[in-house]
Protein backbone atom coordinates (compact mmCIF):
# COMPACT_ATOMS: atom_id res chain seq x y z
CA MET A 1 79.13 53.91 153.65
CA GLU A 2 76.17 52.08 155.21
CA PHE A 3 74.84 51.27 151.72
CA LYS A 4 78.18 49.70 150.73
CA VAL A 5 78.22 47.64 153.90
CA ALA A 6 74.70 46.38 153.20
CA ILE A 7 75.73 45.26 149.70
CA ARG A 8 78.77 43.44 151.05
CA SER A 9 76.68 41.76 153.76
CA SER A 10 74.15 40.55 151.18
CA ALA A 11 76.91 39.01 149.12
CA LEU A 12 78.26 37.29 152.21
CA VAL A 13 74.84 35.90 153.01
CA VAL A 14 74.55 34.25 149.59
CA ALA A 15 78.10 32.89 149.69
CA SER A 16 77.75 31.67 153.25
CA MET A 17 74.49 29.83 152.54
CA VAL A 18 76.35 27.80 149.95
CA LEU A 19 79.27 27.19 152.30
CA ALA A 20 77.05 26.19 155.19
CA SER A 21 75.25 23.63 153.07
CA THR A 22 78.49 21.96 152.00
CA ASP A 23 80.88 22.55 154.90
CA PRO A 24 81.69 19.18 156.54
CA ALA A 25 82.26 20.98 159.85
CA PHE A 26 78.51 21.52 160.00
CA THR A 27 77.59 17.92 159.24
CA GLU A 28 75.41 16.56 162.01
CA PRO A 29 77.42 14.10 164.12
CA ALA A 30 76.29 10.49 164.17
CA ALA A 31 76.55 10.39 167.96
CA ALA A 32 75.68 12.92 170.63
CA PRO A 33 78.04 15.94 170.69
CA ILE A 34 80.92 15.78 173.16
CA PRO A 35 80.50 18.63 175.69
CA MET A 36 83.36 20.64 177.12
CA ARG A 37 84.17 19.45 180.64
CA VAL A 38 84.56 22.13 183.30
CA PHE A 39 86.62 21.88 186.50
CA GLY A 40 85.26 24.68 188.66
CA PRO A 41 85.81 28.45 188.78
CA ALA A 42 88.76 30.07 187.04
CA GLN A 43 90.38 33.48 187.35
CA PRO A 44 89.20 35.62 184.40
CA PRO A 45 91.84 37.08 182.08
CA TYR A 46 93.08 40.45 183.34
CA GLY A 47 92.23 42.09 180.05
CA PHE A 48 88.63 40.89 180.31
CA ILE A 49 88.22 42.34 183.81
CA ALA A 50 89.47 45.74 182.63
CA PHE A 51 87.23 45.53 179.55
CA CYS A 52 84.16 44.98 181.72
CA GLU A 53 85.10 47.96 183.89
CA ARG A 54 85.33 50.18 180.80
CA MET A 55 82.32 48.72 178.95
CA PRO A 56 79.97 47.18 181.55
CA ARG A 57 77.09 46.84 179.07
CA GLU A 58 79.13 44.30 177.12
CA CYS A 59 79.41 42.13 180.25
CA MET A 60 75.82 42.28 181.44
CA GLN A 61 74.16 39.04 182.44
CA GLY A 62 71.26 38.11 180.17
CA PRO A 63 68.48 35.60 180.82
CA GLN A 64 69.84 32.44 182.42
CA GLU A 65 69.07 30.02 179.61
CA GLU A 66 69.63 26.41 180.55
CA GLN A 67 68.46 25.27 177.12
CA ARG A 68 71.15 25.16 174.48
CA PHE A 69 70.59 27.31 171.39
CA ASP A 70 69.22 25.45 168.36
CA LEU A 71 71.67 25.66 165.46
CA THR A 72 69.24 25.94 162.57
CA ALA A 73 70.39 26.33 158.98
CA GLU A 74 69.87 30.09 159.31
CA ARG A 75 71.98 30.23 162.47
CA ARG A 76 74.72 28.21 160.81
CA THR A 77 74.79 30.75 158.00
CA GLN A 78 75.06 33.58 160.51
CA LEU A 79 78.10 31.96 162.14
CA GLU A 80 79.76 31.61 158.75
CA ILE A 81 78.93 35.19 157.75
CA VAL A 82 80.23 36.77 160.94
CA ASN A 83 83.35 34.64 161.30
CA THR A 84 84.46 35.22 157.72
CA ALA A 85 83.55 38.91 157.63
CA VAL A 86 85.34 39.85 160.86
CA ASN A 87 88.40 37.78 159.98
CA HIS A 88 88.80 39.78 156.77
CA GLU A 89 87.73 43.21 158.03
CA ILE A 90 90.13 43.46 160.98
CA GLN A 91 93.85 43.80 160.42
CA PRO A 92 95.81 41.60 162.85
CA VAL A 93 98.13 43.50 165.18
CA THR A 94 99.34 42.88 168.72
CA ASP A 95 98.17 44.95 171.68
CA MET A 96 101.77 45.98 172.33
CA ASP A 97 102.10 47.41 168.83
CA LEU A 98 98.69 49.07 168.91
CA TYR A 99 98.33 50.22 172.52
CA GLY A 100 101.77 49.76 174.07
CA VAL A 101 100.50 47.20 176.62
CA ALA A 102 100.59 43.41 176.66
CA ASP A 103 96.85 42.76 176.94
CA PHE A 104 94.08 45.23 176.08
CA TRP A 105 90.57 44.00 175.23
CA THR A 106 88.24 46.10 173.09
CA ILE A 107 85.75 45.86 170.23
CA PRO A 108 87.93 46.74 167.23
CA LYS A 109 87.16 49.02 164.31
CA ARG A 110 90.05 48.28 161.94
CA GLN A 111 92.83 46.53 163.89
CA GLY A 112 93.10 44.11 166.79
CA ASP A 113 94.31 40.79 168.11
CA CYS A 114 92.58 37.52 168.95
CA GLU A 115 90.31 38.63 171.79
CA ASP A 116 89.25 41.72 169.84
CA TYR A 117 88.09 39.53 166.95
CA VAL A 118 86.12 37.48 169.49
CA LEU A 119 84.44 40.52 171.03
CA LEU A 120 83.38 41.87 167.63
CA LYS A 121 81.99 38.50 166.50
CA ARG A 122 80.10 38.12 169.76
CA SER A 123 78.63 41.63 169.44
CA ARG A 124 77.48 41.07 165.85
CA LEU A 125 75.90 37.70 166.57
CA MET A 126 74.02 39.13 169.55
CA GLU A 127 72.66 41.84 167.25
CA MET A 128 71.33 38.96 165.10
CA GLY A 129 69.46 37.51 168.07
CA TRP A 130 71.99 35.13 169.57
CA PRO A 131 71.85 35.09 173.40
CA ALA A 132 74.96 35.73 175.47
CA SER A 133 74.58 32.22 176.92
CA ALA A 134 75.36 30.76 173.48
CA LEU A 135 78.43 32.91 172.78
CA LEU A 136 81.26 32.14 175.19
CA ILE A 137 84.70 33.76 175.10
CA THR A 138 87.18 30.91 175.42
CA VAL A 139 90.90 30.87 176.19
CA VAL A 140 93.12 28.16 174.74
CA ARG A 141 96.78 27.41 174.19
CA ASP A 142 97.52 27.30 170.48
CA GLU A 143 99.90 25.11 168.49
CA ARG A 144 102.90 27.00 169.92
CA GLY A 145 101.61 26.96 173.48
CA ASP A 146 100.73 30.67 173.40
CA GLY A 147 97.58 32.05 174.98
CA HIS A 148 94.86 32.58 172.39
CA ALA A 149 91.16 33.54 172.44
CA VAL A 150 88.36 32.03 170.35
CA LEU A 151 84.57 32.26 170.44
CA THR A 152 82.58 29.15 171.34
CA ALA A 153 79.07 28.90 169.90
CA ARG A 154 77.23 26.70 172.40
CA THR A 155 74.35 24.93 170.63
CA GLN A 156 72.14 21.88 170.84
CA GLN A 157 74.18 20.40 167.99
CA GLY A 158 77.48 20.90 169.80
CA ASP A 159 80.07 23.56 170.61
CA PHE A 160 81.61 25.21 167.55
CA ILE A 161 84.72 27.38 167.43
CA LEU A 162 85.02 30.74 165.65
CA ASP A 163 88.71 31.58 165.27
CA ASN A 164 90.51 34.54 163.71
CA LYS A 165 93.21 32.17 162.44
CA THR A 166 90.82 30.40 160.07
CA ASP A 167 87.51 30.99 158.32
CA GLU A 168 86.54 27.35 158.85
CA ILE A 169 84.24 26.64 161.80
CA LYS A 170 84.79 23.32 163.56
CA PRO A 171 83.57 21.44 166.62
CA TRP A 172 85.75 22.28 169.62
CA TYR A 173 87.32 18.81 169.72
CA HIS A 174 88.49 19.12 166.11
CA VAL A 175 90.72 22.16 166.62
CA PRO A 176 94.45 21.80 167.45
CA TYR A 177 94.31 23.66 170.76
CA ARG A 178 94.41 22.87 174.47
CA PHE A 179 91.40 24.43 176.15
CA VAL A 180 92.10 26.44 179.31
CA MET A 181 88.97 28.36 180.37
CA ARG A 182 85.76 29.92 179.13
CA GLN A 183 82.87 32.05 180.28
CA SER A 184 79.96 30.50 182.12
CA TYR A 185 76.79 30.39 180.03
CA LEU A 186 74.86 31.55 183.11
CA ASN A 187 76.92 34.68 183.77
CA PRO A 188 79.44 36.22 181.32
CA ARG A 189 81.53 37.64 184.17
CA VAL A 190 82.10 34.17 185.64
CA TRP A 191 84.82 31.98 184.12
CA LEU A 192 85.20 28.21 184.35
CA SER A 193 88.31 26.09 184.04
CA LEU A 194 88.61 23.65 181.14
CA ASP A 195 92.03 22.45 182.33
CA PRO A 196 92.54 21.52 186.00
CA LYS A 197 96.25 22.36 185.71
CA GLU A 198 95.54 26.02 184.92
CA ARG A 199 92.33 26.73 186.84
CA HIS A 200 93.92 29.46 189.02
CA GLN A 201 96.03 31.09 186.33
CA SER A 202 95.45 34.10 184.12
CA MET A 203 97.61 34.75 181.11
CA PRO A 204 98.19 37.30 178.35
CA LEU A 205 96.85 36.38 174.95
CA ALA A 206 98.59 36.37 171.60
CA GLY A 207 97.20 34.61 168.54
CA VAL A 208 96.94 37.22 165.79
CA LYS A 209 96.26 35.76 162.39
CA SER A 210 99.45 35.09 160.46
CA GLY A 211 99.90 35.71 156.79
CA PRO A 212 97.79 37.89 154.47
């Protein structure tokens, strides 16, 4: 089993190197990247709080890195590899269907919903050497206004979004969502508001990938 996974990962590396070199989403912007604006502390999602109680190691605070992570060509390839691989490995299913509750966060093995994709991507990228300060769980409202979770890769070249709804990675301001809150890069247990209208709210998340 491990040998098969290694073969698949090698194939993804080759394919992703080609994609990363041609993907317009990774083209360096002409101007300085537009940072996400924060509006003070926010109440973390209930599912995240319970997740940290069950799996405290996944919510440990790492080194407080003020410096943004440099998105080298190798790091770009890693984002592409992980985003694509997890999107295709995990079968989308709601927490209600899988666990019988509205919001349950966990690192998935075969099935999960939006925040589970995020947690698995974050875990794999950290195994590749990415710091927690560069991988921020982010809550948005999607095209239908539903709560949805994505992973923000915070880099010197800008903030890029990894989303289970698409294999394409884009700058945060090029995705069709309204940003609500995200983790602090200084402490993963602290959340910051990205929308002053919702800074004191917590909401269940939907956002499983539609279609095949």
